[in-house]
Amino acid sequence: YIKRLRYCEYLGRYFCQCCHENSQAVVPAKILRKWDFSKNYVSNFSRDLLAKIAGDPLFNLNDINSGLYKKVKALETVR
């Protein structure tokens, strides 16, 4: 049974195949921590939630990872 479970990279939990259809999405935490825009497997709930909040300014990068401004020069222009 465990082989049929699928892991959601956004929530960090396992889901059945009905609730996790191998959808992929960019995980905001990976962008904010590592500047990683790669797509990850997420549950259906996470996919829908991430799609809804995609355009909303929810996170303050300066509070979460201010060191990223030094690593990614393009961020300096939008600071």
PDB file of N, CA and C in Angstrom:
ATOM      1  N   TYR A   1       0.820  -1.208   0.000  1.00  0.00           N
ATOM      2  CA  TYR A   1       0.000   0.000   0.000  1.00  0.00           C
ATOM      3  C   TYR A   1       0.856   1.261   0.000  1.00  0.00           C
ATOM      4  N   ILE A   2       1.959   1.241   0.697  1.00  0.00           N
ATOM      5  CA  ILE A   2       2.814   2.434   0.806  1.00  0.00           C
ATOM      6  C   ILE A   2       3.372   2.852  -0.556  1.00  0.00           C
ATOM      7  N   LYS A   3       3.540   1.934  -1.462  1.00  0.00           N
ATOM      8  CA  LYS A   3       4.073   2.262  -2.781  1.00  0.00           C
ATOM      9  C   LYS A   3       3.100   3.116  -3.587  1.00  0.00           C
ATOM     10  N   ARG A   4       1.830   3.077  -3.237  1.00  0.00           N
ATOM     11  CA  ARG A   4       0.831   3.849  -3.966  1.00  0.00           C
ATOM     12  C   ARG A   4       0.695   5.267  -3.437  1.00  0.00           C
ATOM     13  N   LEU A   5       1.281   5.566  -2.315  1.00  0.00           N
ATOM     14  CA  LEU A   5       1.206   6.914  -1.759  1.00  0.00           C
ATOM     15  C   LEU A   5       2.153   7.848  -2.501  1.00  0.00           C
ATOM     16  N   ARG A   6       1.765   9.094  -2.584  1.00  0.00           N
ATOM     17  CA  ARG A   6       2.577  10.093  -3.277  1.00  0.00           C
ATOM     18  C   ARG A   6       2.896  11.240  -2.323  1.00  0.00           C
ATOM     19  N   TYR A   7       4.110  11.724  -2.414  1.00  0.00           N
ATOM     20  CA  TYR A   7       4.598  12.760  -1.501  1.00  0.00           C
ATOM     21  C   TYR A   7       4.356  14.145  -2.093  1.00  0.00           C
ATOM     22  N   CYS A   8       3.864  15.054  -1.271  1.00  0.00           N
ATOM     23  CA  CYS A   8       3.650  16.445  -1.666  1.00  0.00           C
ATOM     24  C   CYS A   8       4.817  17.280  -1.143  1.00  0.00           C
ATOM     25  N   GLU A   9       5.562  17.876  -2.046  1.00  0.00           N
ATOM     26  CA  GLU A   9       6.724  18.682  -1.664  1.00  0.00           C
ATOM     27  C   GLU A   9       6.329  19.984  -0.970  1.00  0.00           C
ATOM     28  N   TYR A  10       5.111  20.441  -1.172  1.00  0.00           N
ATOM     29  CA  TYR A  10       4.667  21.684  -0.537  1.00  0.00           C
ATOM     30  C   TYR A  10       4.252  21.454   0.915  1.00  0.00           C
ATOM     31  N   LEU A  11       3.440  20.450   1.158  1.00  0.00           N
ATOM     32  CA  LEU A  11       2.942  20.182   2.509  1.00  0.00           C
ATOM     33  C   LEU A  11       3.817  19.219   3.301  1.00  0.00           C
ATOM     34  N   GLY A  12       4.664  18.463   2.615  1.00  0.00           N
ATOM     35  CA  GLY A  12       5.518  17.502   3.304  1.00  0.00           C
ATOM     36  C   GLY A  12       4.752  16.307   3.833  1.00  0.00           C
ATOM     37  N   ARG A  13       3.705  15.925   3.125  1.00  0.00           N
ATOM     38  CA  ARG A  13       2.871  14.795   3.553  1.00  0.00           C
ATOM     39  C   ARG A  13       2.590  13.873   2.380  1.00  0.00           C
ATOM     40  N   TYR A  14       2.152  12.665   2.710  1.00  0.00           N
ATOM     41  CA  TYR A  14       1.800  11.678   1.697  1.00  0.00           C
ATOM     42  C   TYR A  14       0.305  11.706   1.425  1.00  0.00           C
ATOM     43  N   PHE A  15      -0.067  11.438   0.170  1.00  0.00           N
ATOM     44  CA  PHE A  15      -1.460  11.439  -0.254  1.00  0.00           C
ATOM     45  C   PHE A  15      -1.753  10.212  -1.107  1.00  0.00           C
ATOM     46  N   CYS A  16      -3.029   9.850  -1.144  1.00  0.00           N
ATOM     47  CA  CYS A  16      -3.459   8.757  -2.018  1.00  0.00           C
ATOM     48  C   CYS A  16      -3.421   9.258  -3.464  1.00  0.00           C
ATOM     49  N   GLN A  17      -3.581   8.348  -4.403  1.00  0.00           N
ATOM     50  CA  GLN A  17      -3.512   8.707  -5.813  1.00  0.00           C
ATOM     51  C   GLN A  17      -4.675   9.589  -6.256  1.00  0.00           C
ATOM     52  N   CYS A  18      -5.789   9.519  -5.556  1.00  0.00           N
ATOM     53  CA  CYS A  18      -6.938  10.380  -5.893  1.00  0.00           C
ATOM     54  C   CYS A  18      -6.672  11.832  -5.503  1.00  0.00           C
ATOM     55  N   CYS A  19      -5.972  12.021  -4.413  1.00  0.00           N
ATOM     56  CA  CYS A  19      -5.700  13.373  -3.904  1.00  0.00           C
ATOM     57  C   CYS A  19      -4.376  13.943  -4.402  1.00  0.00           C
ATOM     58  N   HIS A  20      -3.602  13.126  -5.089  1.00  0.00           N
ATOM     59  CA  HIS A  20      -2.303  13.553  -5.616  1.00  0.00           C
ATOM     60  C   HIS A  20      -2.159  12.941  -7.000  1.00  0.00           C
ATOM     61  N   GLU A  21      -2.379  13.757  -8.018  1.00  0.00           N
ATOM     62  CA  GLU A  21      -2.357  13.279  -9.401  1.00  0.00           C
ATOM     63  C   GLU A  21      -1.048  13.613 -10.105  1.00  0.00           C
ATOM     64  N   ASN A  22       0.036  13.697  -9.360  1.00  0.00           N
ATOM     65  CA  ASN A  22       1.365  14.006  -9.891  1.00  0.00           C
ATOM     66  C   ASN A  22       1.429  15.361 -10.593  1.00  0.00           C
ATOM     67  N   SER A  23       0.672  16.312 -10.091  1.00  0.00           N
ATOM     68  CA  SER A  23       0.765  17.676 -10.610  1.00  0.00           C
ATOM     69  C   SER A  23       2.082  18.279 -10.139  1.00  0.00           C
ATOM     70  N   GLN A  24       2.570  19.228 -10.911  1.00  0.00           N
ATOM     71  CA  GLN A  24       3.819  19.877 -10.545  1.00  0.00           C
ATOM     72  C   GLN A  24       3.611  21.379 -10.399  1.00  0.00           C
ATOM     73  N   ALA A  25       4.317  21.958  -9.448  1.00  0.00           N
ATOM     74  CA  ALA A  25       4.240  23.399  -9.208  1.00  0.00           C
ATOM     75  C   ALA A  25       5.536  23.869  -8.568  1.00  0.00           C
ATOM     76  N   VAL A  26       5.775  25.149  -8.680  1.00  0.00           N
ATOM     77  CA  VAL A  26       6.925  25.769  -8.027  1.00  0.00           C
ATOM     78  C   VAL A  26       6.546  25.994  -6.559  1.00  0.00           C
ATOM     79  N   VAL A  27       7.439  25.619  -5.655  1.00  0.00           N
ATOM     80  CA  VAL A  27       7.177  25.745  -4.218  1.00  0.00           C
ATOM     81  C   VAL A  27       7.802  27.053  -3.713  1.00  0.00           C
ATOM     82  N   PRO A  28       6.991  27.965  -3.180  1.00  0.00           N
ATOM     83  CA  PRO A  28       7.513  29.270  -2.743  1.00  0.00           C
ATOM     84  C   PRO A  28       8.681  29.189  -1.759  1.00  0.00           C
ATOM     85  N   ALA A  29       8.652  28.250  -0.843  1.00  0.00           N
ATOM     86  CA  ALA A  29       9.737  28.146   0.144  1.00  0.00           C
ATOM     87  C   ALA A  29      11.074  27.862  -0.524  1.00  0.00           C
ATOM     88  N   LYS A  30      11.062  27.086  -1.589  1.00  0.00           N
ATOM     89  CA  LYS A  30      12.317  26.776  -2.284  1.00  0.00           C
ATOM     90  C   LYS A  30      12.850  27.998  -3.027  1.00  0.00           C
ATOM     91  N   ILE A  31      11.949  28.834  -3.499  1.00  0.00           N
ATOM     92  CA  ILE A  31      12.380  30.078  -4.148  1.00  0.00           C
ATOM     93  C   ILE A  31      12.987  31.012  -3.104  1.00  0.00           C
ATOM     94  N   LEU A  32      12.297  31.167  -2.000  1.00  0.00           N
ATOM     95  CA  LEU A  32      12.736  32.108  -0.968  1.00  0.00           C
ATOM     96  C   LEU A  32      14.001  31.667  -0.250  1.00  0.00           C
ATOM     97  N   ARG A  33      14.238  30.396  -0.159  1.00  0.00           N
ATOM     98  CA  ARG A  33      15.420  29.891   0.546  1.00  0.00           C
ATOM     99  C   ARG A  33      16.615  29.659  -0.375  1.00  0.00           C
ATOM    100  N   LYS A  34      16.354  29.091  -1.567  1.00  0.00           N
ATOM    101  CA  LYS A  34      17.461  28.668  -2.436  1.00  0.00           C
ATOM    102  C   LYS A  34      17.428  29.265  -3.840  1.00  0.00           C
ATOM    103  N   TRP A  35      16.428  30.113  -4.122  1.00  0.00           N
ATOM    104  CA  TRP A  35      16.232  30.661  -5.458  1.00  0.00           C
ATOM    105  C   TRP A  35      16.067  29.526  -6.469  1.00  0.00           C
ATOM    106  N   ASP A  36      15.301  28.526  -6.069  1.00  0.00           N
ATOM    107  CA  ASP A  36      15.063  27.319  -6.862  1.00  0.00           C
ATOM    108  C   ASP A  36      13.661  27.376  -7.454  1.00  0.00           C
ATOM    109  N   PHE A  37      13.587  27.560  -8.766  1.00  0.00           N
ATOM    110  CA  PHE A  37      12.310  27.658  -9.464  1.00  0.00           C
ATOM    111  C   PHE A  37      11.903  26.350 -10.140  1.00  0.00           C
ATOM    112  N   SER A  38      12.529  25.258  -9.790  1.00  0.00           N
ATOM    113  CA  SER A  38      12.171  23.977 -10.400  1.00  0.00           C
ATOM    114  C   SER A  38      10.795  23.534  -9.913  1.00  0.00           C
ATOM    115  N   LYS A  39      10.098  22.798 -10.761  1.00  0.00           N
ATOM    116  CA  LYS A  39       8.768  22.310 -10.398  1.00  0.00           C
ATOM    117  C   LYS A  39       8.894  21.044  -9.566  1.00  0.00           C
ATOM    118  N   ASN A  40       7.999  20.913  -8.596  1.00  0.00           N
ATOM    119  CA  ASN A  40       7.989  19.775  -7.682  1.00  0.00           C
ATOM    120  C   ASN A  40       6.609  19.139  -7.694  1.00  0.00           C
ATOM    121  N   TYR A  41       6.562  17.858  -7.328  1.00  0.00           N
ATOM    122  CA  TYR A  41       5.284  17.163  -7.267  1.00  0.00           C
ATOM    123  C   TYR A  41       4.510  17.620  -6.041  1.00  0.00           C
ATOM    124  N   VAL A  42       3.257  18.019  -6.270  1.00  0.00           N
ATOM    125  CA  VAL A  42       2.407  18.510  -5.189  1.00  0.00           C
ATOM    126  C   VAL A  42       1.029  17.855  -5.263  1.00  0.00           C
ATOM    127  N   SER A  43       0.348  17.831  -4.136  1.00  0.00           N
ATOM    128  CA  SER A  43      -1.009  17.279  -4.078  1.00  0.00           C
ATOM    129  C   SER A  43      -1.973  18.200  -4.832  1.00  0.00           C
ATOM    130  N   ASN A  44      -3.163  17.699  -5.094  1.00  0.00           N
ATOM    131  CA  ASN A  44      -4.174  18.501  -5.791  1.00  0.00           C
ATOM    132  C   ASN A  44      -4.532  19.751  -4.986  1.00  0.00           C
ATOM    133  N   PHE A  45      -4.664  19.595  -3.674  1.00  0.00           N
ATOM    134  CA  PHE A  45      -4.960  20.739  -2.808  1.00  0.00           C
ATOM    135  C   PHE A  45      -3.859  21.796  -2.921  1.00  0.00           C
ATOM    136  N   SER A  46      -2.607  21.359  -2.853  1.00  0.00           N
ATOM    137  CA  SER A  46      -1.476  22.291  -2.934  1.00  0.00           C
ATOM    138  C   SER A  46      -1.417  22.958  -4.294  1.00  0.00           C
ATOM    139  N   ARG A  47      -1.656  22.198  -5.342  1.00  0.00           N
ATOM    140  CA  ARG A  47      -1.657  22.746  -6.702  1.00  0.00           C
ATOM    141  C   ARG A  47      -2.679  23.868  -6.817  1.00  0.00           C
ATOM    142  N   ASP A  48      -3.891  23.621  -6.313  1.00  0.00           N
ATOM    143  CA  ASP A  48      -4.951  24.629  -6.391  1.00  0.00           C
ATOM    144  C   ASP A  48      -4.625  25.853  -5.534  1.00  0.00           C
ATOM    145  N   LEU A  49      -4.120  25.622  -4.337  1.00  0.00           N
ATOM    146  CA  LEU A  49      -3.756  26.727  -3.448  1.00  0.00           C
ATOM    147  C   LEU A  49      -2.651  27.585  -4.057  1.00  0.00           C
ATOM    148  N   LEU A  50      -1.611  26.948  -4.570  1.00  0.00           N
ATOM    149  CA  LEU A  50      -0.495  27.685  -5.157  1.00  0.00           C
ATOM    150  C   LEU A  50      -0.935  28.468  -6.386  1.00  0.00           C
ATOM    151  N   ALA A  51      -1.865  27.913  -7.153  1.00  0.00           N
ATOM    152  CA  ALA A  51      -2.389  28.632  -8.319  1.00  0.00           C
ATOM    153  C   ALA A  51      -3.160  29.878  -7.880  1.00  0.00           C
ATOM    154  N   LYS A  52      -3.887  29.775  -6.781  1.00  0.00           N
ATOM    155  CA  LYS A  52      -4.676  30.913  -6.291  1.00  0.00           C
ATOM    156  C   LYS A  52      -3.801  32.033  -5.727  1.00  0.00           C
ATOM    157  N   ILE A  53      -2.704  31.696  -5.090  1.00  0.00           N
ATOM    158  CA  ILE A  53      -1.866  32.722  -4.453  1.00  0.00           C
ATOM    159  C   ILE A  53      -0.700  33.169  -5.322  1.00  0.00           C
ATOM    160  N   ALA A  54      -0.601  32.648  -6.529  1.00  0.00           N
ATOM    161  CA  ALA A  54       0.568  32.910  -7.379  1.00  0.00           C
ATOM    162  C   ALA A  54       0.836  34.399  -7.589  1.00  0.00           C
ATOM    163  N   GLY A  55      -0.184  35.203  -7.741  1.00  0.00           N
ATOM    164  CA  GLY A  55       0.018  36.622  -8.009  1.00  0.00           C
ATOM    165  C   GLY A  55      -0.038  37.515  -6.785  1.00  0.00           C
ATOM    166  N   ASP A  56      -0.238  36.939  -5.634  1.00  0.00           N
ATOM    167  CA  ASP A  56      -0.379  37.731  -4.409  1.00  0.00           C
ATOM    168  C   ASP A  56       0.971  37.959  -3.721  1.00  0.00           C
ATOM    169  N   PRO A  57       1.251  39.191  -3.314  1.00  0.00           N
ATOM    170  CA  PRO A  57       2.506  39.480  -2.601  1.00  0.00           C
ATOM    171  C   PRO A  57       2.391  39.086  -1.125  1.00  0.00           C
ATOM    172  N   LEU A  58       2.648  37.833  -0.827  1.00  0.00           N
ATOM    173  CA  LEU A  58       2.441  37.303   0.522  1.00  0.00           C
ATOM    174  C   LEU A  58       3.689  37.289   1.394  1.00  0.00           C
ATOM    175  N   PHE A  59       4.849  37.291   0.777  1.00  0.00           N
ATOM    176  CA  PHE A  59       6.077  37.067   1.526  1.00  0.00           C
ATOM    177  C   PHE A  59       7.003  38.274   1.440  1.00  0.00           C
ATOM    178  N   ASN A  60       7.642  38.601   2.542  1.00  0.00           N
ATOM    179  CA  ASN A  60       8.625  39.671   2.583  1.00  0.00           C
ATOM    180  C   ASN A  60      10.005  39.017   2.587  1.00  0.00           C
ATOM    181  N   LEU A  61      10.670  39.077   1.453  1.00  0.00           N
ATOM    182  CA  LEU A  61      11.969  38.424   1.308  1.00  0.00           C
ATOM    183  C   LEU A  61      12.980  38.948   2.316  1.00  0.00           C
ATOM    184  N   ASN A  62      12.915  40.205   2.635  1.00  0.00           N
ATOM    185  CA  ASN A  62      13.854  40.784   3.599  1.00  0.00           C
ATOM    186  C   ASN A  62      13.721  40.124   4.971  1.00  0.00           C
ATOM    187  N   ASP A  63      12.513  39.749   5.357  1.00  0.00           N
ATOM    188  CA  ASP A  63      12.284  39.075   6.640  1.00  0.00           C
ATOM    189  C   ASP A  63      12.664  37.598   6.598  1.00  0.00           C
ATOM    190  N   ILE A  64      12.476  36.973   5.452  1.00  0.00           N
ATOM    191  CA  ILE A  64      12.675  35.525   5.340  1.00  0.00           C
ATOM    192  C   ILE A  64      14.118  35.158   5.024  1.00  0.00           C
ATOM    193  N   ASN A  65      14.706  35.836   4.040  1.00  0.00           N
ATOM    194  CA  ASN A  65      16.064  35.491   3.610  1.00  0.00           C
ATOM    195  C   ASN A  65      16.725  36.717   2.981  1.00  0.00           C
ATOM    196  N   SER A  66      17.125  37.655   3.795  1.00  0.00           N
ATOM    197  CA  SER A  66      17.723  38.889   3.276  1.00  0.00           C
ATOM    198  C   SER A  66      19.057  38.638   2.574  1.00  0.00           C
ATOM    199  N   GLY A  67      19.709  37.538   2.876  1.00  0.00           N
ATOM    200  CA  GLY A  67      20.975  37.206   2.228  1.00  0.00           C
ATOM    201  C   GLY A  67      20.837  36.898   0.752  1.00  0.00           C
ATOM    202  N   LEU A  68      19.622  36.637   0.322  1.00  0.00           N
ATOM    203  CA  LEU A  68      19.395  36.320  -1.088  1.00  0.00           C
ATOM    204  C   LEU A  68      19.643  37.535  -1.974  1.00  0.00           C
ATOM    205  N   TYR A  69      19.477  38.729  -1.427  1.00  0.00           N
ATOM    206  CA  TYR A  69      19.745  39.944  -2.198  1.00  0.00           C
ATOM    207  C   TYR A  69      21.208  40.007  -2.636  1.00  0.00           C
ATOM    208  N   LYS A  70      22.101  39.498  -1.825  1.00  0.00           N
ATOM    209  CA  LYS A  70      23.525  39.498  -2.175  1.00  0.00           C
ATOM    210  C   LYS A  70      23.846  38.433  -3.212  1.00  0.00           C
ATOM    211  N   LYS A  71      23.143  37.316  -3.145  1.00  0.00           N
ATOM    212  CA  LYS A  71      23.414  36.203  -4.056  1.00  0.00           C
ATOM    213  C   LYS A  71      22.800  36.404  -5.435  1.00  0.00           C
ATOM    214  N   VAL A  72      21.655  37.075  -5.495  1.00  0.00           N
ATOM    215  CA  VAL A  72      20.948  37.272  -6.765  1.00  0.00           C
ATOM    216  C   VAL A  72      20.902  38.768  -7.059  1.00  0.00           C
ATOM    217  N   LYS A  73      21.769  39.194  -7.939  1.00  0.00           N
ATOM    218  CA  LYS A  73      21.920  40.624  -8.226  1.00  0.00           C
ATOM    219  C   LYS A  73      20.643  41.236  -8.798  1.00  0.00           C
ATOM    220  N   ALA A  74      19.854  40.470  -9.540  1.00  0.00           N
ATOM    221  CA  ALA A  74      18.624  40.992 -10.141  1.00  0.00           C
ATOM    222  C   ALA A  74      17.617  41.433  -9.082  1.00  0.00           C
ATOM    223  N   LEU A  75      17.709  40.901  -7.895  1.00  0.00           N
ATOM    224  CA  LEU A  75      16.786  41.277  -6.825  1.00  0.00           C
ATOM    225  C   LEU A  75      17.035  42.688  -6.315  1.00  0.00           C
ATOM    226  N   GLU A  76      18.242  43.175  -6.463  1.00  0.00           N
ATOM    227  CA  GLU A  76      18.574  44.521  -5.993  1.00  0.00           C
ATOM    228  C   GLU A  76      17.716  45.582  -6.680  1.00  0.00           C
ATOM    229  N   THR A  77      17.364  45.348  -7.928  1.00  0.00           N
ATOM    230  CA  THR A  77      16.591  46.345  -8.679  1.00  0.00           C
ATOM    231  C   THR A  77      15.139  46.418  -8.223  1.00  0.00           C
ATOM    232  N   VAL A  78      14.635  45.377  -7.598  1.00  0.00           N
ATOM    233  CA  VAL A  78      13.237  45.373  -7.152  1.00  0.00           C
ATOM    234  C   VAL A  78      13.107  45.518  -5.644  1.00  0.00           C
ATOM    235  N   ARG A  79      14.193  45.695  -4.986  1.00  0.00           N
ATOM    236  CA  ARG A  79      14.213  45.784  -3.522  1.00  0.00           C
ATOM    237  C   ARG A  79      13.459  46.936  -3.023  1.00  0.00           C
TER     238      ARG A  79
END
